[in-house]
Amino acid sequence: MTAIAPAPVDTTTSNSELGHIYCCNPDLALCGTDISDMAEIDAEEEVDCIVCNDLEAHPCPTCAN
């Protein structure tokens, strides 16, 4: 059986107001979301992105910190 694959979801731009975490690249969240157009939140505010929360405990794939 052959079928057409669905169009991929664009995860490079963020329309949400989720709080994200970044490491060495302030324009790219740990989850892969482009956060270059988002305002930086206070470090004490809760991060809403569950993927960033999960990845925070692991070394950064870019700088290994």
C-alpha atoms as a PDB file:
ATOM      1  CA  MET A   1       0.000   0.000   0.000  1.00  0.00           C
ATOM      2  CA  THR A   2       1.298   3.458  -0.896  1.00  0.00           C
ATOM      3  CA  ALA A   3       0.200   6.704   0.716  1.00  0.00           C
ATOM      4  CA  ILE A   4       1.261  10.336   0.756  1.00  0.00           C
ATOM      5  CA  ALA A   5       2.982  11.312   3.991  1.00  0.00           C
ATOM      6  CA  PRO A   6       1.445  14.189   5.933  1.00  0.00           C
ATOM      7  CA  ALA A   7       3.188  17.557   5.810  1.00  0.00           C
ATOM      8  CA  PRO A   8       5.692  17.990   8.648  1.00  0.00           C
ATOM      9  CA  VAL A   9       4.820  20.365  11.446  1.00  0.00           C
ATOM     10  CA  ASP A  10       6.920  23.524  11.496  1.00  0.00           C
ATOM     11  CA  THR A  11       8.820  23.573  14.794  1.00  0.00           C
ATOM     12  CA  THR A  12      11.310  26.273  13.849  1.00  0.00           C
ATOM     13  CA  THR A  13       9.106  29.199  14.835  1.00  0.00           C
ATOM     14  CA  SER A  14       7.212  29.613  18.031  1.00  0.00           C
ATOM     15  CA  ASN A  15       3.776  31.204  18.231  1.00  0.00           C
ATOM     16  CA  SER A  16       3.313  30.117  21.804  1.00  0.00           C
ATOM     17  CA  GLU A  17       4.272  31.921  24.948  1.00  0.00           C
ATOM     18  CA  LEU A  18       5.903  28.861  26.487  1.00  0.00           C
ATOM     19  CA  GLY A  19       8.970  29.455  28.606  1.00  0.00           C
ATOM     20  CA  HIS A  20      12.003  27.683  27.131  1.00  0.00           C
ATOM     21  CA  ILE A  21      15.597  26.972  28.210  1.00  0.00           C
ATOM     22  CA  TYR A  22      18.695  27.587  26.097  1.00  0.00           C
ATOM     23  CA  CYS A  23      22.382  26.853  26.639  1.00  0.00           C
ATOM     24  CA  CYS A  24      25.110  28.177  24.334  1.00  0.00           C
ATOM     25  CA  ASN A  25      22.834  29.519  21.564  1.00  0.00           C
ATOM     26  CA  PRO A  26      20.358  32.110  22.917  1.00  0.00           C
ATOM     27  CA  ASP A  27      18.307  31.866  19.699  1.00  0.00           C
ATOM     28  CA  LEU A  28      17.673  28.113  19.959  1.00  0.00           C
ATOM     29  CA  ALA A  29      15.879  26.392  22.823  1.00  0.00           C
ATOM     30  CA  LEU A  30      16.982  22.977  24.023  1.00  0.00           C
ATOM     31  CA  CYS A  31      13.845  21.532  22.414  1.00  0.00           C
ATOM     32  CA  GLY A  32      14.873  22.936  19.013  1.00  0.00           C
ATOM     33  CA  THR A  33      12.420  25.843  18.906  1.00  0.00           C
ATOM     34  CA  ASP A  34      13.630  29.118  17.376  1.00  0.00           C
ATOM     35  CA  ILE A  35      13.319  31.572  20.278  1.00  0.00           C
ATOM     36  CA  SER A  36      15.162  34.482  18.635  1.00  0.00           C
ATOM     37  CA  ASP A  37      12.008  36.625  18.582  1.00  0.00           C
ATOM     38  CA  MET A  38      10.932  35.815  22.148  1.00  0.00           C
ATOM     39  CA  ALA A  39      11.649  37.980  25.180  1.00  0.00           C
ATOM     40  CA  GLU A  40      13.947  36.434  27.764  1.00  0.00           C
ATOM     41  CA  ILE A  41      12.150  35.495  30.976  1.00  0.00           C
ATOM     42  CA  ASP A  42      13.481  35.738  34.511  1.00  0.00           C
ATOM     43  CA  ALA A  43      15.505  32.672  35.501  1.00  0.00           C
ATOM     44  CA  GLU A  44      13.228  32.130  38.511  1.00  0.00           C
ATOM     45  CA  GLU A  45      10.071  31.860  36.379  1.00  0.00           C
ATOM     46  CA  GLU A  46       8.745  28.387  35.677  1.00  0.00           C
ATOM     47  CA  VAL A  47       9.619  26.872  32.302  1.00  0.00           C
ATOM     48  CA  ASP A  48       6.483  25.590  30.559  1.00  0.00           C
ATOM     49  CA  CYS A  49       8.133  23.566  27.793  1.00  0.00           C
ATOM     50  CA  ILE A  50       8.248  19.972  29.004  1.00  0.00           C
ATOM     51  CA  VAL A  51      10.877  19.009  26.426  1.00  0.00           C
ATOM     52  CA  CYS A  52      13.249  21.754  27.622  1.00  0.00           C
ATOM     53  CA  ASN A  53      12.605  20.695  31.218  1.00  0.00           C
ATOM     54  CA  ASP A  54      13.520  17.098  30.386  1.00  0.00           C
ATOM     55  CA  LEU A  55      16.630  18.047  28.395  1.00  0.00           C
ATOM     56  CA  GLU A  56      17.964  20.471  31.029  1.00  0.00           C
ATOM     57  CA  ALA A  57      19.374  17.536  33.023  1.00  0.00           C
ATOM     58  CA  HIS A  58      21.398  16.285  30.020  1.00  0.00           C
ATOM     59  CA  PRO A  59      24.571  17.742  28.463  1.00  0.00           C
ATOM     60  CA  CYS A  60      24.073  20.221  25.641  1.00  0.00           C
ATOM     61  CA  PRO A  61      24.714  18.495  22.286  1.00  0.00           C
ATOM     62  CA  THR A  62      26.589  21.593  21.038  1.00  0.00           C
ATOM     63  CA  CYS A  63      28.894  22.533  23.928  1.00  0.00           C
ATOM     64  CA  ALA A  64      28.531  19.507  26.256  1.00  0.00           C
ATOM     65  CA  ASN A  65      27.727  21.683  29.298  1.00  0.00           C
END
